[in-house]
Amino acid sequence: MLDTTRTGAASPEGDEREPRGCLFALSQPPLMIFLAVIGTLFLMAALHDLLLL
């Protein structure tokens, strides 16, 4: 989850957190739900083409 807590003073070394990459973005539930829906639609379309046409 996103940490929104802040202290009153800034840290002397600055903010040296590692940047979050693509794997963090893919682990978010709304994106995973969206990708699952899109994948299901592709699967249904492929099965329709293979079995019914």
N, C-alpha and C. Protein backbone atom coordinates (compact mmCIF):
# COMPACT_ATOMS: atom_id res chain seq x y z
N MET A 1 0.84 -1.18 0.00
CA MET A 1 0.00 0.00 0.00
C MET A 1 0.88 1.24 0.00
N LEU A 2 0.28 2.33 -0.38
CA LEU A 2 1.00 3.58 -0.46
C LEU A 2 1.10 4.20 0.93
N ASP A 3 2.32 4.52 1.35
CA ASP A 3 2.54 5.12 2.65
C ASP A 3 2.42 6.63 2.52
N THR A 4 1.38 7.21 3.13
CA THR A 4 1.17 8.65 3.02
C THR A 4 1.56 9.39 4.28
N THR A 5 2.15 8.70 5.25
CA THR A 5 2.56 9.37 6.48
C THR A 5 3.84 10.16 6.23
N ARG A 6 3.90 11.33 6.79
CA ARG A 6 5.07 12.21 6.64
C ARG A 6 5.48 12.71 8.02
N THR A 7 6.76 12.87 8.21
CA THR A 7 7.24 13.49 9.43
C THR A 7 7.37 14.99 9.20
N GLY A 8 7.51 15.74 10.28
CA GLY A 8 7.58 17.19 10.16
C GLY A 8 8.83 17.68 9.45
N ALA A 9 9.97 17.08 9.73
CA ALA A 9 11.22 17.54 9.11
C ALA A 9 11.66 16.54 8.04
N ALA A 10 12.30 17.08 7.03
CA ALA A 10 12.81 16.21 5.96
C ALA A 10 14.06 15.50 6.45
N SER A 11 14.32 14.32 5.91
CA SER A 11 15.51 13.59 6.33
C SER A 11 16.76 14.26 5.78
N PRO A 12 17.85 14.23 6.53
CA PRO A 12 19.07 14.91 6.08
C PRO A 12 19.66 14.32 4.80
N GLU A 13 19.52 13.01 4.62
CA GLU A 13 20.09 12.41 3.42
C GLU A 13 19.19 12.57 2.21
N GLY A 14 18.01 13.05 2.38
CA GLY A 14 17.06 13.15 1.27
C GLY A 14 16.25 11.87 1.18
N ASP A 15 15.37 11.83 0.24
CA ASP A 15 14.50 10.67 0.06
C ASP A 15 15.21 9.69 -0.87
N GLU A 16 15.78 8.62 -0.30
CA GLU A 16 16.56 7.68 -1.10
C GLU A 16 15.86 6.34 -1.24
N ARG A 17 14.55 6.36 -1.41
CA ARG A 17 13.84 5.11 -1.64
C ARG A 17 14.08 4.64 -3.06
N GLU A 18 14.10 3.31 -3.23
CA GLU A 18 14.27 2.77 -4.56
C GLU A 18 13.01 3.02 -5.38
N PRO A 19 13.15 3.37 -6.65
CA PRO A 19 11.94 3.55 -7.47
C PRO A 19 11.24 2.22 -7.67
N ARG A 20 9.94 2.25 -7.65
CA ARG A 20 9.17 1.02 -7.84
C ARG A 20 8.99 0.79 -9.33
N GLY A 21 9.18 -0.44 -9.73
CA GLY A 21 9.17 -0.74 -11.16
C GLY A 21 7.89 -1.39 -11.63
N CYS A 22 8.03 -2.08 -12.74
CA CYS A 22 6.89 -2.67 -13.42
C CYS A 22 6.22 -3.77 -12.60
N LEU A 23 7.00 -4.56 -11.88
CA LEU A 23 6.41 -5.65 -11.11
C LEU A 23 5.52 -5.13 -9.99
N PHE A 24 5.88 -3.98 -9.40
CA PHE A 24 5.01 -3.38 -8.39
C PHE A 24 3.69 -2.94 -9.02
N ALA A 25 3.77 -2.35 -10.21
CA ALA A 25 2.56 -1.88 -10.88
C ALA A 25 1.65 -3.06 -11.24
N LEU A 26 2.24 -4.18 -11.66
CA LEU A 26 1.43 -5.33 -12.03
C LEU A 26 0.80 -6.02 -10.84
N SER A 27 1.29 -5.75 -9.64
CA SER A 27 0.75 -6.42 -8.46
C SER A 27 -0.46 -5.68 -7.89
N GLN A 28 -0.86 -4.58 -8.49
CA GLN A 28 -1.99 -3.82 -7.97
C GLN A 28 -3.30 -4.50 -8.35
N PRO A 29 -4.23 -4.66 -7.40
CA PRO A 29 -5.48 -5.38 -7.68
C PRO A 29 -6.32 -4.81 -8.82
N PRO A 30 -6.52 -3.48 -8.95
CA PRO A 30 -7.35 -3.01 -10.08
C PRO A 30 -6.75 -3.38 -11.44
N LEU A 31 -5.44 -3.30 -11.57
CA LEU A 31 -4.81 -3.66 -12.83
C LEU A 31 -4.93 -5.15 -13.09
N MET A 32 -4.79 -5.96 -12.05
CA MET A 32 -4.92 -7.41 -12.23
C MET A 32 -6.34 -7.78 -12.63
N ILE A 33 -7.34 -7.11 -12.07
CA ILE A 33 -8.73 -7.38 -12.45
C ILE A 33 -8.95 -6.99 -13.90
N PHE A 34 -8.44 -5.84 -14.30
CA PHE A 34 -8.57 -5.38 -15.68
C PHE A 34 -7.92 -6.36 -16.64
N LEU A 35 -6.70 -6.81 -16.32
CA LEU A 35 -6.00 -7.74 -17.20
C LEU A 35 -6.71 -9.09 -17.25
N ALA A 36 -7.30 -9.52 -16.14
CA ALA A 36 -8.04 -10.78 -16.14
C ALA A 36 -9.28 -10.68 -17.03
N VAL A 37 -9.97 -9.56 -16.99
CA VAL A 37 -11.16 -9.37 -17.85
C VAL A 37 -10.75 -9.37 -19.31
N ILE A 38 -9.71 -8.64 -19.65
CA ILE A 38 -9.25 -8.58 -21.04
C ILE A 38 -8.80 -9.97 -21.51
N GLY A 39 -8.06 -10.68 -20.64
CA GLY A 39 -7.62 -12.03 -20.99
C GLY A 39 -8.78 -12.97 -21.21
N THR A 40 -9.82 -12.85 -20.38
CA THR A 40 -11.01 -13.69 -20.54
C THR A 40 -11.71 -13.40 -21.85
N LEU A 41 -11.79 -12.13 -22.22
CA LEU A 41 -12.42 -11.77 -23.50
C LEU A 41 -11.63 -12.34 -24.67
N PHE A 42 -10.29 -12.25 -24.61
CA PHE A 42 -9.47 -12.83 -25.66
C PHE A 42 -9.65 -14.35 -25.74
N LEU A 43 -9.72 -15.00 -24.59
CA LEU A 43 -9.90 -16.45 -24.56
C LEU A 43 -11.26 -16.84 -25.15
N MET A 44 -12.30 -16.10 -24.79
CA MET A 44 -13.62 -16.40 -25.34
C MET A 44 -13.65 -16.20 -26.84
N ALA A 45 -13.01 -15.15 -27.33
CA ALA A 45 -12.97 -14.90 -28.77
C ALA A 45 -12.19 -15.99 -29.50
N ALA A 46 -11.07 -16.44 -28.90
CA ALA A 46 -10.27 -17.49 -29.52
C ALA A 46 -11.05 -18.80 -29.57
N LEU A 47 -11.72 -19.15 -28.46
CA LEU A 47 -12.50 -20.37 -28.44
C LEU A 47 -13.68 -20.30 -29.42
N HIS A 48 -14.27 -19.14 -29.54
CA HIS A 48 -15.36 -18.97 -30.51
C HIS A 48 -14.86 -19.20 -31.92
N ASP A 49 -13.69 -18.63 -32.25
CA ASP A 49 -13.13 -18.80 -33.59
C ASP A 49 -12.77 -20.26 -33.85
N LEU A 50 -12.19 -20.92 -32.86
CA LEU A 50 -11.74 -22.29 -33.07
C LEU A 50 -12.86 -23.30 -33.11
N LEU A 51 -13.87 -23.13 -32.27
CA LEU A 51 -14.87 -24.17 -32.11
C LEU A 51 -16.18 -23.91 -32.86
N LEU A 52 -16.54 -22.66 -33.03
CA LEU A 52 -17.86 -22.37 -33.59
C LEU A 52 -17.82 -21.88 -35.02
N LEU A 53 -16.69 -21.44 -35.50
CA LEU A 53 -16.64 -20.95 -36.88
C LEU A 53 -16.10 -22.00 -37.82
